[in-house]
Amino acid sequence: MKSNRTVTFRNVIQVALFEREIKGQLSDGYWENANPMDHHRTWCDAVAVVGPNVGRNFWTVKSNYNLIAAPLLDAVGGRMLTICEDVLGRPGFTMRQLRAELKDMKTIMTTFASEI
């Protein structure tokens, strides 16, 4: 069954990061013990897309994830860089660029699509 929950990001890098890394970090990674314990369910059921009206179309109990937390990037930043390079089809994506994408994603994840 396809989810009716959608989070719309600005670009394919953000979608790939969300689908291939962030969802896992929410459910059984960096935030696995965050309260409330089921905070990740709505995010993991959501579909990520690219579009002009960024934000989410669903309510969630938690949306304030620090996607640029140093311990997170220390642990999986290299893997995230690889995801970005895979999407672009070339090496050379920098940690600075990754932080900028993640900072934007954090804002997008706290925003309802109709607010922008």
PDB file of N, CA and C in Angstrom:
ATOM      1  N   MET A   1       0.842  -1.185   0.000  1.00  0.00           N
ATOM      2  CA  MET A   1       0.000   0.000   0.000  1.00  0.00           C
ATOM      3  C   MET A   1       0.886   1.248   0.000  1.00  0.00           C
ATOM      4  N   LYS A   2       0.612   2.175  -0.868  1.00  0.00           N
ATOM      5  CA  LYS A   2       1.388   3.398  -0.984  1.00  0.00           C
ATOM      6  C   LYS A   2       0.966   4.386   0.101  1.00  0.00           C
ATOM      7  N   SER A   3       1.942   5.042   0.698  1.00  0.00           N
ATOM      8  CA  SER A   3       1.693   6.012   1.748  1.00  0.00           C
ATOM      9  C   SER A   3       1.144   7.308   1.164  1.00  0.00           C
ATOM     10  N   ASN A   4       0.244   7.939   1.900  1.00  0.00           N
ATOM     11  CA  ASN A   4      -0.229   9.260   1.486  1.00  0.00           C
ATOM     12  C   ASN A   4       0.562  10.361   2.188  1.00  0.00           C
ATOM     13  N   ARG A   5       1.550   9.957   2.980  1.00  0.00           N
ATOM     14  CA  ARG A   5       2.439  10.916   3.620  1.00  0.00           C
ATOM     15  C   ARG A   5       3.585  11.233   2.658  1.00  0.00           C
ATOM     16  N   THR A   6       3.782  12.514   2.418  1.00  0.00           N
ATOM     17  CA  THR A   6       4.835  12.932   1.502  1.00  0.00           C
ATOM     18  C   THR A   6       5.640  14.053   2.134  1.00  0.00           C
ATOM     19  N   VAL A   7       6.940  13.947   1.986  1.00  0.00           N
ATOM     20  CA  VAL A   7       7.819  15.060   2.341  1.00  0.00           C
ATOM     21  C   VAL A   7       8.520  15.464   1.046  1.00  0.00           C
ATOM     22  N   THR A   8       8.376  16.733   0.710  1.00  0.00           N
ATOM     23  CA  THR A   8       8.902  17.252  -0.543  1.00  0.00           C
ATOM     24  C   THR A   8      10.186  18.033  -0.273  1.00  0.00           C
ATOM     25  N   PHE A   9      11.241  17.587  -0.938  1.00  0.00           N
ATOM     26  CA  PHE A   9      12.550  18.224  -0.804  1.00  0.00           C
ATOM     27  C   PHE A   9      12.885  19.007  -2.078  1.00  0.00           C
ATOM     28  N   ARG A  10      13.966  19.783  -2.020  1.00  0.00           N
ATOM     29  CA  ARG A  10      14.369  20.632  -3.157  1.00  0.00           C
ATOM     30  C   ARG A  10      15.061  19.886  -4.281  1.00  0.00           C
ATOM     31  N   ASN A  11      15.726  18.758  -3.958  1.00  0.00           N
ATOM     32  CA  ASN A  11      16.533  18.114  -4.992  1.00  0.00           C
ATOM     33  C   ASN A  11      16.705  16.623  -4.718  1.00  0.00           C
ATOM     34  N   VAL A  12      17.258  15.924  -5.695  1.00  0.00           N
ATOM     35  CA  VAL A  12      17.415  14.470  -5.603  1.00  0.00           C
ATOM     36  C   VAL A  12      18.444  14.055  -4.559  1.00  0.00           C
ATOM     37  N   ILE A  13      19.395  14.906  -4.267  1.00  0.00           N
ATOM     38  CA  ILE A  13      20.357  14.589  -3.209  1.00  0.00           C
ATOM     39  C   ILE A  13      19.634  14.486  -1.872  1.00  0.00           C
ATOM     40  N   GLN A  14      18.778  15.443  -1.581  1.00  0.00           N
ATOM     41  CA  GLN A  14      18.025  15.419  -0.331  1.00  0.00           C
ATOM     42  C   GLN A  14      17.114  14.199  -0.252  1.00  0.00           C
ATOM     43  N   VAL A  15      16.459  13.875  -1.333  1.00  0.00           N
ATOM     44  CA  VAL A  15      15.592  12.685  -1.352  1.00  0.00           C
ATOM     45  C   VAL A  15      16.415  11.432  -1.074  1.00  0.00           C
ATOM     46  N   ALA A  16      17.551  11.308  -1.724  1.00  0.00           N
ATOM     47  CA  ALA A  16      18.402  10.132  -1.523  1.00  0.00           C
ATOM     48  C   ALA A  16      18.914  10.060  -0.090  1.00  0.00           C
ATOM     49  N   LEU A  17      19.337  11.173   0.465  1.00  0.00           N
ATOM     50  CA  LEU A  17      19.802  11.175   1.852  1.00  0.00           C
ATOM     51  C   LEU A  17      18.680  10.749   2.797  1.00  0.00           C
ATOM     52  N   PHE A  18      17.488  11.260   2.572  1.00  0.00           N
ATOM     53  CA  PHE A  18      16.353  10.912   3.424  1.00  0.00           C
ATOM     54  C   PHE A  18      16.021   9.432   3.323  1.00  0.00           C
ATOM     55  N   GLU A  19      15.893   8.936   2.096  1.00  0.00           N
ATOM     56  CA  GLU A  19      15.477   7.550   1.887  1.00  0.00           C
ATOM     57  C   GLU A  19      16.569   6.546   2.260  1.00  0.00           C
ATOM     58  N   ARG A  20      17.820   6.880   1.982  1.00  0.00           N
ATOM     59  CA  ARG A  20      18.905   5.897   2.144  1.00  0.00           C
ATOM     60  C   ARG A  20      19.659   6.000   3.466  1.00  0.00           C
ATOM     61  N   GLU A  21      19.497   7.109   4.191  1.00  0.00           N
ATOM     62  CA  GLU A  21      20.232   7.232   5.451  1.00  0.00           C
ATOM     63  C   GLU A  21      19.372   7.774   6.593  1.00  0.00           C
ATOM     64  N   ILE A  22      18.690   8.871   6.380  1.00  0.00           N
ATOM     65  CA  ILE A  22      17.991   9.525   7.484  1.00  0.00           C
ATOM     66  C   ILE A  22      16.893   8.638   8.066  1.00  0.00           C
ATOM     67  N   LYS A  23      16.103   7.998   7.237  1.00  0.00           N
ATOM     68  CA  LYS A  23      15.058   7.113   7.763  1.00  0.00           C
ATOM     69  C   LYS A  23      15.636   6.064   8.704  1.00  0.00           C
ATOM     70  N   GLY A  24      16.744   5.482   8.343  1.00  0.00           N
ATOM     71  CA  GLY A  24      17.391   4.490   9.190  1.00  0.00           C
ATOM     72  C   GLY A  24      17.921   5.086  10.477  1.00  0.00           C
ATOM     73  N   GLN A  25      18.431   6.298  10.410  1.00  0.00           N
ATOM     74  CA  GLN A  25      18.925   6.953  11.615  1.00  0.00           C
ATOM     75  C   GLN A  25      17.781   7.301  12.560  1.00  0.00           C
ATOM     76  N   LEU A  26      16.609   7.600  12.003  1.00  0.00           N
ATOM     77  CA  LEU A  26      15.448   7.904  12.836  1.00  0.00           C
ATOM     78  C   LEU A  26      14.943   6.659  13.557  1.00  0.00           C
ATOM     79  N   SER A  27      14.930   5.534  12.872  1.00  0.00           N
ATOM     80  CA  SER A  27      14.308   4.333  13.425  1.00  0.00           C
ATOM     81  C   SER A  27      15.251   3.474  14.254  1.00  0.00           C
ATOM     82  N   ASP A  28      16.476   3.298  13.822  1.00  0.00           N
ATOM     83  CA  ASP A  28      17.359   2.410  14.585  1.00  0.00           C
ATOM     84  C   ASP A  28      18.808   2.883  14.572  1.00  0.00           C
ATOM     85  N   GLY A  29      18.960   4.175  14.508  1.00  0.00           N
ATOM     86  CA  GLY A  29      20.301   4.754  14.500  1.00  0.00           C
ATOM     87  C   GLY A  29      20.429   5.843  15.540  1.00  0.00           C
ATOM     88  N   TYR A  30      20.834   6.992  15.114  1.00  0.00           N
ATOM     89  CA  TYR A  30      21.160   8.110  15.995  1.00  0.00           C
ATOM     90  C   TYR A  30      20.005   8.495  16.921  1.00  0.00           C
ATOM     91  N   TRP A  31      18.767   8.467  16.419  1.00  0.00           N
ATOM     92  CA  TRP A  31      17.611   8.890  17.212  1.00  0.00           C
ATOM     93  C   TRP A  31      16.757   7.726  17.693  1.00  0.00           C
ATOM     94  N   GLU A  32      17.256   6.512  17.679  1.00  0.00           N
ATOM     95  CA  GLU A  32      16.424   5.357  17.999  1.00  0.00           C
ATOM     96  C   GLU A  32      15.827   5.408  19.404  1.00  0.00           C
ATOM     97  N   ASN A  33      16.455   6.091  20.327  1.00  0.00           N
ATOM     98  CA  ASN A  33      15.932   6.166  21.689  1.00  0.00           C
ATOM     99  C   ASN A  33      15.295   7.515  22.016  1.00  0.00           C
ATOM    100  N   ALA A  34      15.030   8.314  20.987  1.00  0.00           N
ATOM    101  CA  ALA A  34      14.390   9.609  21.208  1.00  0.00           C
ATOM    102  C   ALA A  34      12.942   9.405  21.650  1.00  0.00           C
ATOM    103  N   ASN A  35      12.443  10.360  22.392  1.00  0.00           N
ATOM    104  CA  ASN A  35      11.046  10.312  22.825  1.00  0.00           C
ATOM    105  C   ASN A  35      10.196  11.192  21.948  1.00  0.00           C
ATOM    106  N   PRO A  36       8.948  10.811  21.740  1.00  0.00           N
ATOM    107  CA  PRO A  36       8.358   9.533  22.132  1.00  0.00           C
ATOM    108  C   PRO A  36       8.955   8.390  21.304  1.00  0.00           C
ATOM    109  N   MET A  37       8.896   7.198  21.839  1.00  0.00           N
ATOM    110  CA  MET A  37       9.568   6.047  21.232  1.00  0.00           C
ATOM    111  C   MET A  37       9.102   5.734  19.809  1.00  0.00           C
ATOM    112  N   ASP A  38       7.914   6.136  19.447  1.00  0.00           N
ATOM    113  CA  ASP A  38       7.408   5.851  18.094  1.00  0.00           C
ATOM    114  C   ASP A  38       7.546   7.051  17.156  1.00  0.00           C
ATOM    115  N   HIS A  39       8.397   8.006  17.503  1.00  0.00           N
ATOM    116  CA  HIS A  39       8.564   9.239  16.727  1.00  0.00           C
ATOM    117  C   HIS A  39       8.892   8.982  15.261  1.00  0.00           C
ATOM    118  N   HIS A  40       9.549   7.893  14.974  1.00  0.00           N
ATOM    119  CA  HIS A  40      10.051   7.615  13.625  1.00  0.00           C
ATOM    120  C   HIS A  40       8.990   7.053  12.679  1.00  0.00           C
ATOM    121  N   ARG A  41       7.907   6.529  13.206  1.00  0.00           N
ATOM    122  CA  ARG A  41       6.944   5.788  12.371  1.00  0.00           C
ATOM    123  C   ARG A  41       6.402   6.606  11.200  1.00  0.00           C
ATOM    124  N   THR A  42       5.937   7.805  11.459  1.00  0.00           N
ATOM    125  CA  THR A  42       5.369   8.596  10.364  1.00  0.00           C
ATOM    126  C   THR A  42       6.424   8.963   9.324  1.00  0.00           C
ATOM    127  N   TRP A  43       7.650   9.232   9.794  1.00  0.00           N
ATOM    128  CA  TRP A  43       8.731   9.569   8.860  1.00  0.00           C
ATOM    129  C   TRP A  43       9.095   8.376   7.987  1.00  0.00           C
ATOM    130  N   CYS A  44       9.177   7.209   8.592  1.00  0.00           N
ATOM    131  CA  CYS A  44       9.585   6.017   7.843  1.00  0.00           C
ATOM    132  C   CYS A  44       8.496   5.556   6.873  1.00  0.00           C
ATOM    133  N   ASP A  45       7.250   5.931   7.128  1.00  0.00           N
ATOM    134  CA  ASP A  45       6.157   5.611   6.214  1.00  0.00           C
ATOM    135  C   ASP A  45       6.013   6.640   5.097  1.00  0.00           C
ATOM    136  N   ALA A  46       6.682   7.777   5.235  1.00  0.00           N
ATOM    137  CA  ALA A  46       6.553   8.851   4.250  1.00  0.00           C
ATOM    138  C   ALA A  46       7.339   8.543   2.982  1.00  0.00           C
ATOM    139  N   VAL A  47       6.867   9.109   1.902  1.00  0.00           N
ATOM    140  CA  VAL A  47       7.547   9.030   0.616  1.00  0.00           C
ATOM    141  C   VAL A  47       8.222  10.371   0.371  1.00  0.00           C
ATOM    142  N   ALA A  48       9.478  10.350  -0.012  1.00  0.00           N
ATOM    143  CA  ALA A  48      10.215  11.574  -0.313  1.00  0.00           C
ATOM    144  C   ALA A  48      10.183  11.835  -1.810  1.00  0.00           C
ATOM    145  N   VAL A  49       9.906  13.087  -2.166  1.00  0.00           N
ATOM    146  CA  VAL A  49       9.848  13.499  -3.565  1.00  0.00           C
ATOM    147  C   VAL A  49      10.543  14.851  -3.717  1.00  0.00           C
ATOM    148  N   VAL A  50      10.805  15.215  -4.953  1.00  0.00           N
ATOM    149  CA  VAL A  50      11.345  16.531  -5.278  1.00  0.00           C
ATOM    150  C   VAL A  50      10.203  17.380  -5.809  1.00  0.00           C
ATOM    151  N   GLY A  51      10.124  18.621  -5.356  1.00  0.00           N
ATOM    152  CA  GLY A  51       9.089  19.509  -5.857  1.00  0.00           C
ATOM    153  C   GLY A  51       9.288  20.926  -5.384  1.00  0.00           C
ATOM    154  N   PRO A  52       8.514  21.844  -5.934  1.00  0.00           N
ATOM    155  CA  PRO A  52       8.683  23.257  -5.594  1.00  0.00           C
ATOM    156  C   PRO A  52       8.083  23.634  -4.243  1.00  0.00           C
ATOM    157  N   ASN A  53       7.068  22.926  -3.779  1.00  0.00           N
ATOM    158  CA  ASN A  53       6.390  23.258  -2.529  1.00  0.00           C
ATOM    159  C   ASN A  53       6.940  22.372  -1.415  1.00  0.00           C
ATOM    160  N   VAL A  54       8.157  22.718  -0.921  1.00  0.00           N
ATOM    161  CA  VAL A  54       8.849  21.860   0.029  1.00  0.00           C
ATOM    162  C   VAL A  54       8.146  21.819   1.380  1.00  0.00           C
ATOM    163  N   GLY A  55       8.314  20.709   2.054  1.00  0.00           N
ATOM    164  CA  GLY A  55       7.723  20.505   3.370  1.00  0.00           C
ATOM    165  C   GLY A  55       7.008  19.170   3.406  1.00  0.00           C
ATOM    166  N   ARG A  56       6.301  18.943   4.494  1.00  0.00           N
ATOM    167  CA  ARG A  56       5.581  17.678   4.657  1.00  0.00           C
ATOM    168  C   ARG A  56       4.088  17.922   4.658  1.00  0.00           C
ATOM    169  N   ASN A  57       3.339  16.890   4.318  1.00  0.00           N
ATOM    170  CA  ASN A  57       1.879  17.017   4.282  1.00  0.00           C
ATOM    171  C   ASN A  57       1.224  16.225   5.399  1.00  0.00           C
ATOM    172  N   PHE A  58       1.946  15.936   6.463  1.00  0.00           N
ATOM    173  CA  PHE A  58       1.427  15.108   7.545  1.00  0.00           C
ATOM    174  C   PHE A  58       1.889  15.651   8.892  1.00  0.00           C
ATOM    175  N   TRP A  59       1.140  15.297   9.908  1.00  0.00           N
ATOM    176  CA  TRP A  59       1.494  15.643  11.275  1.00  0.00           C
ATOM    177  C   TRP A  59       2.394  14.554  11.829  1.00  0.00           C
ATOM    178  N   THR A  60       3.349  14.942  12.651  1.00  0.00           N
ATOM    179  CA  THR A  60       4.227  13.979  13.304  1.00  0.00           C
ATOM    180  C   THR A  60       4.523  14.439  14.720  1.00  0.00           C
ATOM    181  N   VAL A  61       4.815  13.507  15.600  1.00  0.00           N
ATOM    182  CA  VAL A  61       5.067  13.856  16.994  1.00  0.00           C
ATOM    183  C   VAL A  61       6.440  14.481  17.207  1.00  0.00           C
ATOM    184  N   LYS A  62       7.343  14.321  16.257  1.00  0.00           N
ATOM    185  CA  LYS A  62       8.691  14.890  16.373  1.00  0.00           C
ATOM    186  C   LYS A  62       9.185  15.284  14.989  1.00  0.00           C
ATOM    187  N   SER A  63       9.721  16.494  14.900  1.00  0.00           N
ATOM    188  CA  SER A  63      10.273  16.926  13.616  1.00  0.00           C
ATOM    189  C   SER A  63      11.571  17.708  13.768  1.00  0.00           C
ATOM    190  N   ASN A  64      12.013  17.904  14.994  1.00  0.00           N
ATOM    191  CA  ASN A  64      13.193  18.757  15.227  1.00  0.00           C
ATOM    192  C   ASN A  64      14.473  17.930  15.377  1.00  0.00           C
ATOM    193  N   TYR A  65      14.834  17.237  14.331  1.00  0.00           N
ATOM    194  CA  TYR A  65      16.047  16.426  14.339  1.00  0.00           C
ATOM    195  C   TYR A  65      17.241  17.275  13.918  1.00  0.00           C
ATOM    196  N   ASN A  66      18.321  17.201  14.677  1.00  0.00           N
ATOM    197  CA  ASN A  66      19.533  17.947  14.337  1.00  0.00           C
ATOM    198  C   ASN A  66      20.342  17.119  13.338  1.00  0.00           C
ATOM    199  N   LEU A  67      20.055  17.307  12.075  1.00  0.00           N
ATOM    200  CA  LEU A  67      20.686  16.507  11.029  1.00  0.00           C
ATOM    201  C   LEU A  67      22.167  16.813  10.838  1.00  0.00           C
ATOM    202  N   ILE A  68      22.648  17.914  11.428  1.00  0.00           N
ATOM    203  CA  ILE A  68      24.067  18.243  11.290  1.00  0.00           C
ATOM    204  C   ILE A  68      24.825  18.060  12.612  1.00  0.00           C
ATOM    205  N   ALA A  69      24.272  17.257  13.510  1.00  0.00           N
ATOM    206  CA  ALA A  69      24.940  16.982  14.781  1.00  0.00           C
ATOM    207  C   ALA A  69      26.307  16.346  14.514  1.00  0.00           C
ATOM    208  N   ALA A  70      27.324  16.855  15.190  1.00  0.00           N
ATOM    209  CA  ALA A  70      28.688  16.354  14.981  1.00  0.00           C
ATOM    210  C   ALA A  70      28.805  14.842  15.213  1.00  0.00           C
ATOM    211  N   PRO A  71      28.213  14.277  16.289  1.00  0.00           N
ATOM    212  CA  PRO A  71      28.341  12.825  16.472  1.00  0.00           C
ATOM    213  C   PRO A  71      27.712  12.019  15.331  1.00  0.00           C
ATOM    214  N   LEU A  72      26.623  12.533  14.779  1.00  0.00           N
ATOM    215  CA  LEU A  72      25.983  11.862  13.645  1.00  0.00           C
ATOM    216  C   LEU A  72      26.894  11.896  12.431  1.00  0.00           C
ATOM    217  N   LEU A  73      27.403  13.068  12.109  1.00  0.00           N
ATOM    218  CA  LEU A  73      28.263  13.197  10.931  1.00  0.00           C
ATOM    219  C   LEU A  73      29.582  12.462  11.112  1.00  0.00           C
ATOM    220  N   ASP A  74      30.078  12.414  12.339  1.00  0.00           N
ATOM    221  CA  ASP A  74      31.295  11.634  12.600  1.00  0.00           C
ATOM    222  C   ASP A  74      31.058  10.153  12.308  1.00  0.00           C
ATOM    223  N   ALA A  75      29.870   9.670  12.637  1.00  0.00           N
ATOM    224  CA  ALA A  75      29.562   8.242  12.473  1.00  0.00           C
ATOM    225  C   ALA A  75      29.188   7.879  11.039  1.00  0.00           C
ATOM    226  N   VAL A  76      28.357   8.687  10.387  1.00  0.00           N
ATOM    227  CA  VAL A  76      27.836   8.288   9.068  1.00  0.00           C
ATOM    228  C   VAL A  76      28.024   9.339   7.984  1.00  0.00           C
ATOM    229  N   GLY A  77      28.783  10.402   8.275  1.00  0.00           N
ATOM    230  CA  GLY A  77      29.020  11.441   7.275  1.00  0.00           C
ATOM    231  C   GLY A  77      29.671  10.913   6.010  1.00  0.00           C
ATOM    232  N   GLY A  78      30.628  10.013   6.163  1.00  0.00           N
ATOM    233  CA  GLY A  78      31.283   9.425   4.991  1.00  0.00           C
ATOM    234  C   GLY A  78      30.299   8.660   4.122  1.00  0.00           C
ATOM    235  N   ARG A  79      29.419   7.924   4.771  1.00  0.00           N
ATOM    236  CA  ARG A  79      28.390   7.175   4.024  1.00  0.00           C
ATOM    237  C   ARG A  79      27.436   8.138   3.313  1.00  0.00           C
ATOM    238  N   MET A  80      27.113   9.238   3.968  1.00  0.00           N
ATOM    239  CA  MET A  80      26.242  10.239   3.342  1.00  0.00           C
ATOM    240  C   MET A  80      26.924  10.882   2.143  1.00  0.00           C
ATOM    241  N   LEU A  81      28.214  11.162   2.263  1.00  0.00           N
ATOM    242  CA  LEU A  81      28.953  11.712   1.125  1.00  0.00           C
ATOM    243  C   LEU A  81      28.914  10.754  -0.061  1.00  0.00           C
ATOM    244  N   THR A  82      29.049   9.467   0.209  1.00  0.00           N
ATOM    245  CA  THR A  82      28.986   8.460  -0.855  1.00  0.00           C
ATOM    246  C   THR A  82      27.620   8.466  -1.525  1.00  0.00           C
ATOM    247  N   ILE A  83      26.565   8.611  -0.740  1.00  0.00           N
ATOM    248  CA  ILE A  83      25.209   8.689  -1.302  1.00  0.00           C
ATOM    249  C   ILE A  83      25.120   9.875  -2.261  1.00  0.00           C
ATOM    250  N   CYS A  84      25.613  11.023  -1.836  1.00  0.00           N
ATOM    251  CA  CYS A  84      25.570  12.227  -2.679  1.00  0.00           C
ATOM    252  C   CYS A  84      26.347  12.027  -3.969  1.00  0.00           C
ATOM    253  N   GLU A  85      27.525  11.435  -3.856  1.00  0.00           N
ATOM    254  CA  GLU A  85      28.347  11.195  -5.044  1.00  0.00           C
ATOM    255  C   GLU A  85      27.683  10.179  -5.976  1.00  0.00           C
ATOM    256  N   ASP A  86      27.027   9.169  -5.410  1.00  0.00           N
ATOM    257  CA  ASP A  86      26.293   8.198  -6.231  1.00  0.00           C
ATOM    258  C   ASP A  86      25.184   8.872  -7.014  1.00  0.00           C
ATOM    259  N   VAL A  87      24.450   9.753  -6.353  1.00  0.00           N
ATOM    260  CA  VAL A  87      23.348  10.462  -7.011  1.00  0.00           C
ATOM    261  C   VAL A  87      23.875  11.353  -8.127  1.00  0.00           C
ATOM    262  N   LEU A  88      24.976  12.055  -7.863  1.00  0.00           N
ATOM    263  CA  LEU A  88      25.547  12.956  -8.867  1.00  0.00           C
ATOM    264  C   LEU A  88      26.308  12.219  -9.960  1.00  0.00           C
ATOM    265  N   GLY A  89      26.731  10.993  -9.654  1.00  0.00           N
ATOM    266  CA  GLY A  89      27.484  10.221 -10.625  1.00  0.00           C
ATOM    267  C   GLY A  89      28.924  10.666 -10.768  1.00  0.00           C
ATOM    268  N   ARG A  90      29.417  11.315  -9.722  1.00  0.00           N
ATOM    269  CA  ARG A  90      30.811  11.780  -9.752  1.00  0.00           C
ATOM    270  C   ARG A  90      31.306  11.992  -8.331  1.00  0.00           C
ATOM    271  N   PRO A  91      32.614  11.870  -8.119  1.00  0.00           N
ATOM    272  CA  PRO A  91      33.180  12.129  -6.794  1.00  0.00           C
ATOM    273  C   PRO A  91      33.307  13.623  -6.539  1.00  0.00           C
ATOM    274  N   GLY A  92      33.651  13.968  -5.302  1.00  0.00           N
ATOM    275  CA  GLY A  92      33.978  15.354  -5.000  1.00  0.00           C
ATOM    276  C   GLY A  92      32.949  16.118  -4.201  1.00  0.00           C
ATOM    277  N   PHE A  93      31.878  15.465  -3.757  1.00  0.00           N
ATOM    278  CA  PHE A  93      30.916  16.159  -2.900  1.00  0.00           C
ATOM    279  C   PHE A  93      31.591  16.389  -1.555  1.00  0.00           C
ATOM    280  N   THR A  94      31.526  17.600  -1.039  1.00  0.00           N
ATOM    281  CA  THR A  94      32.276  17.947   0.168  1.00  0.00           C
ATOM    282  C   THR A  94      31.405  17.894   1.425  1.00  0.00           C
ATOM    283  N   MET A  95      32.060  17.812   2.565  1.00  0.00           N
ATOM    284  CA  MET A  95      31.353  17.837   3.839  1.00  0.00           C
ATOM    285  C   MET A  95      30.618  19.166   4.006  1.00  0.00           C
ATOM    286  N   ARG A  96      31.190  20.235   3.509  1.00  0.00           N
ATOM    287  CA  ARG A  96      30.516  21.541   3.572  1.00  0.00           C
ATOM    288  C   ARG A  96      29.208  21.509   2.776  1.00  0.00           C
ATOM    289  N   GLN A  97      29.252  20.933   1.591  1.00  0.00           N
ATOM    290  CA  GLN A  97      28.038  20.808   0.785  1.00  0.00           C
ATOM    291  C   GLN A  97      27.018  19.900   1.481  1.00  0.00           C
ATOM    292  N   LEU A  98      27.489  18.817   2.064  1.00  0.00           N
ATOM    293  CA  LEU A  98      26.600  17.901   2.782  1.00  0.00           C
ATOM    294  C   LEU A  98      25.908  18.621   3.934  1.00  0.00           C
ATOM    295  N   ARG A  99      26.663  19.362   4.716  1.00  0.00           N
ATOM    296  CA  ARG A  99      26.066  20.106   5.837  1.00  0.00           C
ATOM    297  C   ARG A  99      24.999  21.083   5.350  1.00  0.00           C
ATOM    298  N   ALA A 100      25.256  21.751   4.231  1.00  0.00           N
ATOM    299  CA  ALA A 100      24.273  22.697   3.687  1.00  0.00           C
ATOM    300  C   ALA A 100      22.987  21.973   3.290  1.00  0.00           C
ATOM    301  N   GLU A 101      23.114  20.817   2.649  1.00  0.00           N
ATOM    302  CA  GLU A 101      21.923  20.041   2.263  1.00  0.00           C
ATOM    303  C   GLU A 101      21.163  19.575   3.503  1.00  0.00           C
ATOM    304  N   LEU A 102      21.882  19.081   4.505  1.00  0.00           N
ATOM    305  CA  LEU A 102      21.242  18.590   5.719  1.00  0.00           C
ATOM    306  C   LEU A 102      20.577  19.714   6.507  1.00  0.00           C
ATOM    307  N   LYS A 103      21.206  20.879   6.543  1.00  0.00           N
ATOM    308  CA  LYS A 103      20.609  22.036   7.218  1.00  0.00           C
ATOM    309  C   LYS A 103      19.297  22.429   6.539  1.00  0.00           C
ATOM    310  N   ASP A 104      19.295  22.429   5.224  1.00  0.00           N
ATOM    311  CA  ASP A 104      18.073  22.725   4.481  1.00  0.00           C
ATOM    312  C   ASP A 104      17.011  21.646   4.733  1.00  0.00           C
ATOM    313  N   MET A 105      17.428  20.396   4.755  1.00  0.00           N
ATOM    314  CA  MET A 105      16.490  19.297   5.022  1.00  0.00           C
ATOM    315  C   MET A 105      15.854  19.437   6.398  1.00  0.00           C
ATOM    316  N   LYS A 106      16.639  19.840   7.384  1.00  0.00           N
ATOM    317  CA  LYS A 106      16.106  20.028   8.735  1.00  0.00           C
ATOM    318  C   LYS A 106      14.967  21.052   8.712  1.00  0.00           C
ATOM    319  N   THR A 107      15.172  22.154   8.022  1.00  0.00           N
ATOM    320  CA  THR A 107      14.128  23.173   7.908  1.00  0.00           C
ATOM    321  C   THR A 107      12.913  22.622   7.177  1.00  0.00           C
ATOM    322  N   ILE A 108      13.139  21.928   6.095  1.00  0.00           N
ATOM    323  CA  ILE A 108      12.045  21.361   5.312  1.00  0.00           C
ATOM    324  C   ILE A 108      11.230  20.380   6.155  1.00  0.00           C
ATOM    325  N   MET A 109      11.904  19.560   6.946  1.00  0.00           N
ATOM    326  CA  MET A 109      11.199  18.549   7.742  1.00  0.00           C
ATOM    327  C   MET A 109      10.362  19.159   8.859  1.00  0.00           C
ATOM    328  N   THR A 110      10.616  20.393   9.246  1.00  0.00           N
ATOM    329  CA  THR A 110       9.817  21.038  10.277  1.00  0.00           C
ATOM    330  C   THR A 110       8.699  21.903   9.692  1.00  0.00           C
ATOM    331  N   THR A 111       8.573  21.904   8.388  1.00  0.00           N
ATOM    332  CA  THR A 111       7.650  22.779   7.691  1.00  0.00           C
ATOM    333  C   THR A 111       6.515  21.993   7.041  1.00  0.00           C
ATOM    334  N   PHE A 112       5.286  22.487   7.203  1.00  0.00           N
ATOM    335  CA  PHE A 112       4.179  21.932   6.433  1.00  0.00           C
ATOM    336  C   PHE A 112       4.244  22.526   5.035  1.00  0.00           C
ATOM    337  N   ALA A 113       4.029  21.722   4.031  1.00  0.00           N
ATOM    338  CA  ALA A 113       4.170  22.153   2.632  1.00  0.00           C
ATOM    339  C   ALA A 113       3.331  23.387   2.331  1.00  0.00           C
ATOM    340  N   SER A 114       2.199  23.527   2.940  1.00  0.00           N
ATOM    341  CA  SER A 114       1.330  24.678   2.671  1.00  0.00           C
ATOM    342  C   SER A 114       1.873  25.967   3.265  1.00  0.00           C
ATOM    343  N   GLU A 115       2.892  25.897   4.147  1.00  0.00           N
ATOM    344  CA  GLU A 115       3.438  27.090   4.786  1.00  0.00           C
ATOM    345  C   GLU A 115       4.409  27.856   3.895  1.00  0.00           C
ATOM    346  N   ILE A 116       4.904  27.206   2.851  1.00  0.00           N
ATOM    347  CA  ILE A 116       5.888  27.866   1.990  1.00  0.00           C
ATOM    348  C   ILE A 116       5.232  28.309   0.706  1.00  0.00           C
TER     349      ILE A 116
END
